[in-house]
Amino acid sequence: MELKDKLLSSFLAFEENVNMHSDIHEIRSRAIKDFEANGFPTRKQEAWKYTSLNKILKYDYTVFPKKEDTIDYRDVEKYFIDEIDTYKIVFIDGIYSSHLSATTHDKIDACLMSSAMNSSKYKPVLDNYFNKIAPQESLTSLNTAFSREGAYIHIPKNTMADKPIQILNFSTGNESALMVQPRNLIVVEENSHVQIIERHQSLTDHPVLTNSVTEIYADKRAIVDYYKIQNDNRTASLIDNTFIEQHQESFCSVHTFSFGGNITRNNLNFYQKGERIDSTLKGVTVIEGKQHVDHNTLVHHKEPNCESHQDYKGVFCESATGVFNGKIIVDQKAQKTNAFQANNNILLDDKATINSKPQLEIFADDVKCSHGCTIGQLDDEALFYLRSRGIPMKEARALLMYAFANNVLESVKIPELKKRINKIIAEKLGVNVGYNL
């Protein structure tokens, strides 16, 4: 049975365990019909021209894990950022883990989508925000159809989250192949601030496919700092769909650090619906072997006097492949827009590949918009300079790559997270060059 047919039949079983009379289930029903009509994306679609899902759709994935598993904290401790105090929302094979989590309902709500969906207390928020900006596309519709578990984060008006929130998704490997579909809803109301760190981590060599959807709403003067750490096993694939709606004078930044996995596809979409908005999208990719990372971004400027900044750096080794497909749309009304986009890449081996496609669609005449792309190798003169100072070749190459990615790392606002990212990069490069670069 093909995966699409299995998912369609699995939805019938899924319906038996949810409230079929709820408003959300009506949304689910429409979504599964949309997925049935469109199926999985193919390379015939322009947005998927350089990324094929065929090799990861061939497995017989388990859609519903047979049992809830427990993980000893010592086995996953290294994946937590415990140098700082955080709230933690942890899932094991798509199921909430109470003994690894630390949630709260004090001043802010950092809890579960399943709890929110089954409580009248959260109904007004869900009615206003759930599935309002996630488009009817095949993979987002598939996630919507099976939406039940994930992180629910609500920051009320005039509130600063007292500590960052970690969202961690672990896969145990109890199933020969597993598909999980977390659904996150994050609502940050007027004059509020939150920092969020998200990670998907497989603990096995069994195939894992994660199809994640996150909706983020930033109200007037809200501040959202979101960090994605993608450093998974070679048999784990991730399709990450994130949609952000911003309102007047809000600031949202998303940093994506892609260091591992089989196929990683990041769909990151910003929609500006107010004046004096600032949107920041930054990423660092360091991959090797036959790994594949695809960044697909959109910033839609709808109102005047707004800014957006995109800066993606990629380092590709061996036969790794990368994709950057970035689009900026400036509506006619969006005068005085300042939009910047850059994608810079280093290919360390002859078989490494990057496909970069920056795009601008500008319908206003009083704007400042720029985009650029570079693809090259390490500077031989800079390497010679470092070698002449007694630095070995391996360390010299690593120093140059640190410098290459440094302006992205410098904008990380959580010092402990910045050290962790530096450490991962050093391990990827196989050197010990000091993590404070």
Protein backbone atom coordinates (compact mmCIF):
# COMPACT_ATOMS: atom_id res chain seq x y z
CA MET A 1 0.00 0.00 0.00
CA GLU A 2 1.36 3.45 -0.91
CA LEU A 3 1.86 5.93 1.91
CA LYS A 4 -0.88 8.24 0.65
CA ASP A 5 -3.45 5.41 0.67
CA LYS A 6 -2.30 4.29 4.11
CA LEU A 7 -2.73 7.80 5.50
CA LEU A 8 -6.21 8.14 4.02
CA SER A 9 -7.30 4.85 5.57
CA SER A 10 -5.60 5.76 8.86
CA PHE A 11 -7.67 8.92 9.07
CA LEU A 12 -10.79 6.78 9.47
CA ALA A 13 -9.23 5.14 12.52
CA PHE A 14 -8.08 8.53 13.78
CA GLU A 15 -11.66 9.82 13.70
CA GLU A 16 -12.77 7.15 16.14
CA ASN A 17 -10.55 8.63 18.87
CA VAL A 18 -11.42 12.32 18.58
CA ASN A 19 -14.51 14.44 19.03
CA MET A 20 -16.11 14.30 15.59
CA HIS A 21 -18.58 17.06 16.49
CA SER A 22 -16.02 19.74 17.30
CA ASP A 23 -15.21 22.72 15.08
CA ILE A 24 -11.62 21.51 14.81
CA HIS A 25 -12.72 18.17 13.43
CA GLU A 26 -14.56 19.97 10.65
CA ILE A 27 -11.25 21.62 9.81
CA ARG A 28 -9.57 18.20 9.88
CA SER A 29 -12.15 16.73 7.52
CA ARG A 30 -11.67 19.49 4.97
CA ALA A 31 -7.91 19.10 5.24
CA ILE A 32 -7.86 15.37 4.54
CA LYS A 33 -9.97 15.96 1.42
CA ASP A 34 -7.44 18.54 0.29
CA PHE A 35 -4.58 16.09 0.84
CA GLU A 36 -6.51 13.37 -1.00
CA ALA A 37 -6.89 15.69 -3.97
CA ASN A 38 -3.27 16.91 -4.07
CA GLY A 39 -1.17 14.09 -2.60
CA PHE A 40 2.51 14.60 -1.83
CA PRO A 41 4.44 17.35 -3.65
CA THR A 42 6.61 16.34 -6.61
CA ARG A 43 9.46 17.91 -8.52
CA LYS A 44 6.99 18.97 -11.20
CA GLN A 45 6.00 21.78 -8.84
CA GLU A 46 8.31 24.78 -9.08
CA ALA A 47 8.72 25.10 -5.30
CA TRP A 48 9.89 21.46 -5.12
CA LYS A 49 11.99 21.47 -8.28
CA TYR A 50 15.22 20.55 -6.48
CA THR A 51 13.83 18.34 -3.70
CA SER A 52 12.36 14.89 -4.28
CA LEU A 53 10.56 13.06 -1.49
CA ASN A 54 10.46 9.73 -3.33
CA LYS A 55 13.20 8.03 -1.34
CA ILE A 56 11.60 8.84 2.01
CA LEU A 57 8.01 8.01 1.00
CA LYS A 58 8.84 4.39 0.16
CA TYR A 59 8.86 3.20 3.79
CA ASP A 60 5.94 1.56 5.54
CA TYR A 61 5.58 4.15 8.28
CA THR A 62 3.66 3.55 11.45
CA VAL A 63 1.27 6.47 11.84
CA PHE A 64 0.17 5.69 15.39
CA PRO A 65 2.82 4.28 17.78
CA LYS A 66 1.72 1.05 19.41
CA LYS A 67 2.51 2.21 22.93
CA GLU A 68 3.78 5.14 24.92
CA ASP A 69 7.46 4.72 25.63
CA THR A 70 9.54 6.24 28.39
CA ILE A 71 13.06 7.53 28.07
CA ASP A 72 15.51 7.91 30.88
CA TYR A 73 16.59 11.51 31.23
CA ARG A 74 20.26 10.47 31.23
CA ASP A 75 19.84 9.08 27.71
CA VAL A 76 18.68 12.41 26.27
CA GLU A 77 20.28 14.91 28.65
CA LYS A 78 22.74 16.13 26.01
CA TYR A 79 19.90 17.37 23.80
CA PHE A 80 18.52 19.71 26.46
CA ILE A 81 20.02 23.13 27.01
CA ASP A 82 20.19 22.79 30.78
CA GLU A 83 22.73 25.56 31.27
CA ILE A 84 19.71 27.84 31.63
CA ASP A 85 16.36 27.44 33.31
CA THR A 86 13.62 26.80 30.75
CA TYR A 87 10.12 25.49 30.39
CA LYS A 88 10.15 22.18 28.53
CA ILE A 89 7.48 20.58 26.36
CA VAL A 90 8.71 17.10 25.42
CA PHE A 91 7.20 14.49 23.12
CA ILE A 92 8.29 10.88 22.63
CA ASP A 93 7.17 9.32 19.34
CA GLY A 94 4.61 12.12 19.09
CA ILE A 95 3.19 11.50 22.58
CA TYR A 96 3.58 13.96 25.46
CA SER A 97 6.15 12.97 28.09
CA SER A 98 5.14 14.34 31.49
CA HIS A 99 8.28 13.17 33.32
CA LEU A 100 10.62 15.01 30.93
CA SER A 101 8.48 18.15 30.61
CA ALA A 102 8.14 21.24 32.76
CA THR A 103 5.11 23.23 31.61
CA THR A 104 3.24 26.12 33.20
CA HIS A 105 -0.12 27.88 33.39
CA ASP A 106 1.23 30.67 35.61
CA LYS A 107 1.08 34.03 33.75
CA ILE A 108 1.71 32.22 30.45
CA ASP A 109 0.34 29.00 28.99
CA ALA A 110 3.04 26.59 27.83
CA CYS A 111 1.24 23.28 27.52
CA LEU A 112 -0.24 20.79 25.03
CA MET A 113 -2.38 21.16 21.95
CA SER A 114 -4.42 18.13 23.02
CA SER A 115 -5.24 19.85 26.32
CA ALA A 116 -6.14 23.07 24.57
CA MET A 117 -8.35 21.29 22.04
CA ASN A 118 -10.31 19.53 24.77
CA SER A 119 -10.87 22.49 27.10
CA SER A 120 -13.42 25.27 26.79
CA LYS A 121 -10.90 27.58 28.49
CA TYR A 122 -8.78 27.69 25.33
CA LYS A 123 -11.59 27.65 22.78
CA PRO A 124 -11.56 31.45 22.13
CA VAL A 125 -7.85 31.35 21.28
CA LEU A 126 -8.22 28.28 19.05
CA ASP A 127 -11.23 29.78 17.28
CA ASN A 128 -9.28 32.95 16.53
CA TYR A 129 -5.92 31.48 15.57
CA PHE A 130 -5.86 27.75 14.81
CA ASN A 131 -5.30 27.00 11.11
CA LYS A 132 -5.85 30.61 10.08
CA ILE A 133 -2.53 31.17 8.27
CA ALA A 134 -1.44 27.62 7.39
CA PRO A 135 -2.33 27.38 3.67
CA GLN A 136 -4.23 24.54 2.07
CA GLU A 137 -1.19 22.78 0.65
CA SER A 138 -0.66 19.05 0.58
CA LEU A 139 1.72 18.68 3.54
CA THR A 140 0.16 21.34 5.75
CA SER A 141 -3.27 19.87 5.00
CA LEU A 142 -1.99 16.42 5.93
CA ASN A 143 -0.73 17.75 9.26
CA THR A 144 -3.99 19.59 9.89
CA ALA A 145 -5.99 16.44 9.25
CA PHE A 146 -4.08 14.54 11.94
CA SER A 147 -3.56 17.49 14.29
CA ARG A 148 -3.90 16.44 17.89
CA GLU A 149 -0.62 16.89 19.73
CA GLY A 150 2.06 19.53 19.85
CA ALA A 151 2.98 22.65 21.78
CA TYR A 152 0.39 25.27 22.72
CA ILE A 153 2.00 28.53 23.86
CA HIS A 154 -0.04 31.61 24.74
CA ILE A 155 1.65 34.75 26.07
CA PRO A 156 -1.02 37.19 27.32
CA LYS A 157 -0.93 40.93 26.80
CA ASN A 158 1.92 42.90 28.44
CA THR A 159 3.76 39.76 29.54
CA MET A 160 7.37 38.73 29.17
CA ALA A 161 7.95 34.99 29.45
CA ASP A 162 10.20 34.66 32.49
CA LYS A 163 12.37 32.02 30.80
CA PRO A 164 12.79 30.44 27.37
CA ILE A 165 10.63 27.52 26.23
CA GLN A 166 12.15 24.35 24.78
CA ILE A 167 10.08 22.12 22.47
CA LEU A 168 11.74 18.73 22.02
CA ASN A 169 10.50 15.84 19.90
CA PHE A 170 12.22 12.46 20.38
CA SER A 171 11.80 9.32 18.27
CA THR A 172 12.71 6.06 20.03
CA GLY A 173 12.94 3.63 17.13
CA ASN A 174 10.50 1.14 18.64
CA GLU A 175 8.77 1.12 15.27
CA SER A 176 10.59 -0.07 12.15
CA ALA A 177 9.57 3.23 10.54
CA LEU A 178 7.64 6.08 12.14
CA MET A 179 5.81 9.16 10.89
CA VAL A 180 4.94 11.93 13.35
CA GLN A 181 3.03 15.16 12.73
CA PRO A 182 3.40 17.68 15.58
CA ARG A 183 1.24 20.79 15.46
CA ASN A 184 2.32 23.91 17.34
CA LEU A 185 0.30 27.06 17.98
CA ILE A 186 2.06 30.12 19.44
CA VAL A 187 0.12 33.29 20.21
CA VAL A 188 2.04 36.30 21.55
CA GLU A 189 -0.27 39.14 22.40
CA GLU A 190 0.35 42.90 22.46
CA ASN A 191 3.60 44.11 24.13
CA SER A 192 4.69 40.56 25.02
CA HIS A 193 7.95 38.69 24.52
CA VAL A 194 8.98 35.03 24.27
CA GLN A 195 12.05 32.98 23.32
CA ILE A 196 11.54 29.45 21.96
CA ILE A 197 14.00 26.68 21.09
CA GLU A 198 12.79 23.74 19.00
CA ARG A 199 14.50 20.43 18.23
CA HIS A 200 13.55 17.14 16.55
CA GLN A 201 15.83 14.26 17.51
CA SER A 202 15.80 10.60 16.50
CA LEU A 203 17.42 8.14 18.92
CA THR A 204 17.60 5.33 16.38
CA ASP A 205 18.74 4.38 12.91
CA HIS A 206 15.20 3.44 11.90
CA PRO A 207 13.58 5.76 9.33
CA VAL A 208 11.64 8.66 10.83
CA LEU A 209 9.58 11.20 8.89
CA THR A 210 8.40 14.33 10.70
CA ASN A 211 5.82 16.60 9.07
CA SER A 212 5.58 19.58 11.41
CA VAL A 213 3.40 22.69 11.26
CA THR A 214 3.87 25.74 13.49
CA GLU A 215 1.64 28.82 13.46
CA ILE A 216 2.97 31.96 15.19
CA TYR A 217 0.98 35.13 15.78
CA ALA A 218 2.73 38.30 16.95
CA ASP A 219 0.40 41.11 17.97
CA LYS A 220 1.30 44.80 18.23
CA ARG A 221 4.81 45.40 19.57
CA ALA A 222 5.28 41.71 20.36
CA ILE A 223 8.76 40.18 20.23
CA VAL A 224 9.31 36.55 19.21
CA ASP A 225 12.75 34.91 19.05
CA TYR A 226 12.55 31.39 17.61
CA TYR A 227 15.50 29.02 17.25
CA LYS A 228 15.45 25.72 15.35
CA ILE A 229 18.21 23.15 15.93
CA GLN A 230 18.29 20.47 13.22
CA ASN A 231 21.07 18.00 13.91
CA ASP A 232 19.46 14.60 13.44
CA ASN A 233 20.54 11.12 12.37
CA ARG A 234 21.10 10.20 8.72
CA THR A 235 17.84 8.19 8.63
CA ALA A 236 15.61 10.99 9.93
CA SER A 237 13.83 13.39 7.58
CA LEU A 238 12.05 16.60 8.52
CA ILE A 239 9.52 18.74 6.70
CA ASP A 240 9.12 21.86 8.80
CA ASN A 241 6.32 24.28 7.92
CA THR A 242 6.32 27.55 9.88
CA PHE A 243 3.88 30.41 9.28
CA ILE A 244 4.20 33.76 11.05
CA GLU A 245 1.69 36.61 11.07
CA GLN A 246 2.96 39.93 12.41
CA HIS A 247 1.11 43.07 13.38
CA GLN A 248 2.10 46.68 13.96
CA GLU A 249 5.62 47.31 15.32
CA SER A 250 6.23 43.65 16.12
CA PHE A 251 9.63 41.99 15.83
CA CYS A 252 10.04 38.33 14.90
CA SER A 253 13.25 36.45 14.23
CA VAL A 254 13.75 32.82 13.24
CA HIS A 255 17.21 31.24 13.29
CA THR A 256 17.50 27.84 11.61
CA PHE A 257 20.60 25.73 12.24
CA SER A 258 20.66 22.73 9.91
CA PHE A 259 23.46 20.28 10.64
CA GLY A 260 22.09 16.82 9.97
CA GLY A 261 19.37 14.48 8.83
CA ASN A 262 18.49 12.74 5.60
CA ILE A 263 16.21 15.24 3.86
CA THR A 264 15.38 18.51 5.60
CA ARG A 265 12.88 20.91 4.09
CA ASN A 266 12.19 24.23 5.84
CA ASN A 267 9.15 26.19 4.63
CA LEU A 268 9.28 29.54 6.45
CA ASN A 269 6.62 32.14 5.67
CA PHE A 270 6.24 35.65 7.11
CA TYR A 271 3.14 37.77 6.57
CA GLN A 272 3.42 41.43 7.62
CA LYS A 273 0.05 42.98 8.48
CA GLY A 274 0.90 46.35 9.96
CA GLU A 275 3.40 49.19 9.80
CA ARG A 276 6.93 49.36 11.28
CA ILE A 277 7.33 45.59 11.42
CA ASP A 278 10.71 43.89 11.49
CA SER A 279 11.16 40.30 10.25
CA THR A 280 14.48 38.47 10.53
CA LEU A 281 15.29 35.11 8.93
CA LYS A 282 18.77 33.70 9.43
CA GLY A 283 20.26 30.26 8.96
CA VAL A 284 23.46 28.24 9.00
CA THR A 285 23.71 24.92 7.16
CA VAL A 286 26.69 22.56 7.52
CA ILE A 287 26.09 19.12 6.00
CA GLU A 288 28.04 16.25 4.46
CA GLY A 289 27.63 12.83 2.87
CA LYS A 290 24.40 12.68 0.86
CA GLN A 291 22.43 14.92 3.19
CA HIS A 292 19.99 17.41 1.68
CA VAL A 293 18.74 20.70 3.15
CA ASP A 294 16.18 22.90 1.40
CA HIS A 295 15.30 26.37 2.72
CA ASN A 296 12.14 27.79 1.14
CA THR A 297 11.31 31.26 2.49
CA LEU A 298 8.67 33.91 1.88
CA VAL A 299 8.32 37.42 3.28
CA HIS A 300 5.16 39.19 2.18
CA HIS A 301 5.23 42.95 2.80
CA LYS A 302 1.64 44.15 2.87
CA GLU A 303 1.96 47.52 4.64
CA PRO A 304 4.38 50.49 4.39
CA ASN A 305 7.44 51.30 6.54
CA CYS A 306 8.51 47.73 7.28
CA GLU A 307 11.77 45.81 7.13
CA SER A 308 12.90 42.25 6.53
CA HIS A 309 16.37 40.73 6.72
CA GLN A 310 17.34 37.33 5.35
CA ASP A 311 20.84 35.92 5.74
CA TYR A 312 21.53 32.25 5.03
CA LYS A 313 25.00 30.68 5.04
CA GLY A 314 25.72 27.16 3.77
CA VAL A 315 28.76 24.87 3.94
CA PHE A 316 28.44 21.70 1.88
CA CYS A 317 30.88 18.79 2.04
CA GLU A 318 31.27 15.54 0.08
CA SER A 319 28.06 14.87 -1.94
CA ALA A 320 25.73 17.05 0.13
CA THR A 321 23.11 19.15 -1.65
CA GLY A 322 21.50 22.40 -0.64
CA VAL A 323 18.61 24.49 -1.88
CA PHE A 324 17.72 28.10 -1.14
CA ASN A 325 14.49 29.40 -2.65
CA GLY A 326 13.79 32.80 -1.13
CA LYS A 327 10.96 35.10 -2.19
CA ILE A 328 10.15 38.67 -1.18
CA ILE A 329 6.80 40.15 -2.20
CA VAL A 330 6.18 43.89 -1.80
CA ASP A 331 2.59 44.96 -2.36
CA GLN A 332 1.79 48.27 -4.06
CA LYS A 333 0.66 49.68 -0.73
CA ALA A 334 3.92 48.73 1.01
CA GLN A 335 5.91 51.90 0.28
CA LYS A 336 9.14 52.64 2.22
CA THR A 337 9.86 48.91 2.51
CA ASN A 338 13.45 47.91 3.29
CA ALA A 339 14.01 44.26 2.34
CA PHE A 340 17.37 42.51 2.29
CA GLN A 341 18.13 38.95 1.25
CA ALA A 342 21.48 37.16 1.03
CA ASN A 343 22.44 33.53 0.45
CA ASN A 344 26.15 32.72 0.61
CA ASN A 345 27.54 29.21 0.16
CA ILE A 346 30.84 27.35 0.30
CA LEU A 347 31.34 24.07 -1.55
CA LEU A 348 34.21 22.11 -0.01
CA ASP A 349 34.12 19.19 -2.45
CA ASP A 350 33.59 18.81 -6.18
CA LYS A 351 30.44 16.70 -5.73
CA ALA A 352 28.72 19.13 -3.34
CA THR A 353 25.83 21.07 -4.89
CA ILE A 354 23.78 24.16 -4.11
CA ASN A 355 20.74 25.43 -6.03
CA SER A 356 19.96 29.02 -5.11
CA LYS A 357 17.02 31.04 -6.39
CA PRO A 358 16.49 34.47 -4.79
CA GLN A 359 13.30 36.18 -5.96
CA LEU A 360 11.86 39.69 -5.71
CA GLU A 361 8.30 40.67 -6.67
CA ILE A 362 7.98 44.42 -6.15
CA PHE A 363 4.81 46.35 -6.91
CA ALA A 364 5.74 49.55 -5.03
CA ASP A 365 8.04 52.28 -6.37
CA ASP A 366 9.49 53.79 -3.18
CA VAL A 367 11.35 50.84 -1.68
CA LYS A 368 14.85 49.64 -0.90
CA CYS A 369 15.17 45.98 -1.80
CA SER A 370 18.24 43.89 -2.52
CA HIS A 371 19.12 40.25 -2.91
CA GLY A 372 22.29 38.37 -3.66
CA CYS A 373 23.76 34.90 -3.87
CA THR A 374 27.37 33.68 -3.82
CA ILE A 375 28.73 30.19 -4.36
CA GLY A 376 32.42 29.48 -4.00
CA GLN A 377 35.26 27.84 -2.10
CA LEU A 378 37.48 28.89 0.77
CA ASP A 379 39.85 31.75 0.06
CA ASP A 380 43.29 30.31 -0.78
CA GLU A 381 45.08 33.50 0.31
CA ALA A 382 43.34 33.49 3.68
CA LEU A 383 44.23 29.81 4.11
CA PHE A 384 47.85 30.56 3.24
CA TYR A 385 47.92 33.40 5.76
CA LEU A 386 46.67 31.16 8.58
CA ARG A 387 49.01 28.32 7.60
CA SER A 388 51.96 30.72 7.62
CA ARG A 389 51.11 31.48 11.27
CA GLY A 390 51.54 27.82 12.17
CA ILE A 391 47.85 26.85 12.13
CA PRO A 392 47.27 23.34 10.70
CA MET A 393 45.18 23.05 7.53
CA LYS A 394 42.17 21.47 9.23
CA GLU A 395 41.99 24.15 11.92
CA ALA A 396 42.64 26.91 9.37
CA ARG A 397 39.70 25.74 7.25
CA ALA A 398 37.52 25.57 10.35
CA LEU A 399 38.48 29.11 11.40
CA LEU A 400 37.50 30.47 8.01
CA MET A 401 34.17 28.67 8.14
CA TYR A 402 33.52 30.03 11.63
CA ALA A 403 34.19 33.52 10.35
CA PHE A 404 31.90 32.83 7.40
CA ALA A 405 28.95 31.95 9.67
CA ASN A 406 29.78 34.34 12.49
CA ASN A 407 27.39 37.20 11.65
CA VAL A 408 24.48 34.75 11.87
CA LEU A 409 25.68 33.37 15.21
CA GLU A 410 26.24 36.87 16.59
CA SER A 411 22.51 37.63 16.41
CA VAL A 412 21.58 34.71 18.69
CA LYS A 413 20.29 36.31 21.88
CA ILE A 414 20.68 33.32 24.23
CA PRO A 415 24.39 33.01 25.11
CA GLU A 416 24.12 29.38 26.19
CA LEU A 417 22.45 28.48 22.91
CA LYS A 418 25.15 30.30 20.96
CA LYS A 419 27.81 28.21 22.74
CA ARG A 420 25.87 25.04 21.95
CA ILE A 421 25.67 25.93 18.24
CA ASN A 422 29.38 26.73 18.16
CA LYS A 423 30.10 23.37 19.74
CA ILE A 424 27.98 21.52 17.17
CA ILE A 425 29.76 23.30 14.32
CA ALA A 426 33.15 22.40 15.78
CA GLU A 427 32.10 18.76 16.05
CA LYS A 428 30.83 18.81 12.47
CA LEU A 429 34.18 20.13 11.31
CA GLY A 430 36.09 17.67 13.50
CA VAL A 431 38.16 20.30 15.28
CA ASN A 432 38.51 21.91 18.69
CA VAL A 433 39.00 25.58 17.94
CA GLY A 434 37.36 27.34 20.89
CA TYR A 435 33.62 27.85 21.06
CA ASN A 436 33.52 31.59 21.63
CA LEU A 437 34.50 32.54 18.07
